[in-house]
Amino acid sequence: MNKPRIAYLGTGANGAGIAADMTNADHDVTMIEQWPDHVEAMRRNGIIVDLPGGRSETSEVHVRHLCEVAEMRQPFDLVYLGMKAYDTRWAVELIKPMLAEDGVVIGMQNGMTRGTIASIVGPERCLGAVIEVTANMYKPGRVDRQSPREESWFALEDSTAVGPERVALAAEVLGAAGRVDVVADIHSAKWMKLAVNAAELVTSALVGLPLMHAAKDPALLNFMLATGREAVAAAAADGAVLMPILGMPEDVDTTDPAAFADALFGKVLSSFCLPDTETTCLQDWRKGRRNEVEELNGYVAGIARTNGLKAPLNIFTVEMARRIERGELPFDETNRDAMAAALAEHYPELGNLAGLPPHLAGA
């Protein structure tokens, strides 16, 4: 049997590290990337992945510029999509002509992008996925991967439309980069990840701090937890079932939505975060790019509104992020007091640390 042809479209910090793992596992991988300097650096030097403990791996990779997709002729059996959530539609349209007739696009992104992908290639050629990998990239061709393979986690949709053989193949290839759980309810799994993303990604970026640093401030910590609780409530209203993800114990208590939201956040801090870990949204702002606030907190706020729920801190986060992206505010600690005031206005009962996950008490 010929090796499946694999594309990884969007190879930033997470995508480059994952694609390198796939390549090193002897898979036929083509990386497709829109940052020209990053492409040229990888062509010259390979992709360099710095790992915890001072280890570094350099891998020779096959990488193409985004503009070179039109030059391709051989179709891909698997396309792992790592573009920003707001780039989903055009990116899938771009790669669609290069997708094999029985090929599959796997959405490796934040946010609820599966429906967009399926609307373009069809549900029989689309798999949803959840990813928890911690990595930074500040230089082209070099990844600071803070969660090594043995600590990286993925969920992959068990889709009857796609079929067991292709699901198994997609899981096998992805398994080169970490643990893969195949899940029947990808809608709920994606929502759980969105809930914790809503709590952490943009909120910590508002104050320009690494996530763990922000979580040491009680007001910021409670702001993030309350934002996550709003997201879990929106998830339930949207038909999602509270379920363990990120390698949480299967018997984790899901009967208390607020406590479960806190536990999700606690799992990220304890298993996927180092003291200097900056969220992808903060990295975007540092690079002068917009981040995914509309697809994260904005999506939560929209679902909450549709279902008659309130999500004031998610709305506040969106409004603050918009002001930052318009150049009206900096993304630094001067925003801390406004966040604390919003928390006090809407959730005065969260003025102390009671009810937090045990390892966060005293953070």
Foldseek 3Di string as FASTA:
>chain_A
DDAFAEEEEACDQVNVLLQQLLVVVVHHYEYEHAPVQLQVLCQVFNAWEQEPPRDIDGGNHHYDYLVCLVVDDAAGQEYEYEDELVCPQVVLVSNVVRHPPLHAYEDAYAFDNQVSNCVVNNPLRYKYKYWFWFWDDDHRRYIHTYQFAALIEMEIEPDVSNNDVSSVVVLVSSNSRHYYHYDHCVLQVSLLRLLLCQLFALLLQLALAARVVLLLDLLSVLLSLLLSLLSLVLSVLVVHQDADDSPDDRPPDPPDSSLSSLVSNVSCCVRHGDRRGHHPQNSQVVVVHHHDLCRRLVVSCVSCVVSVHHNQSSVVSVVSSVCVNVVNDPRHNVCVVVSSVSCCVPPVVSPADPSHDVVSVND
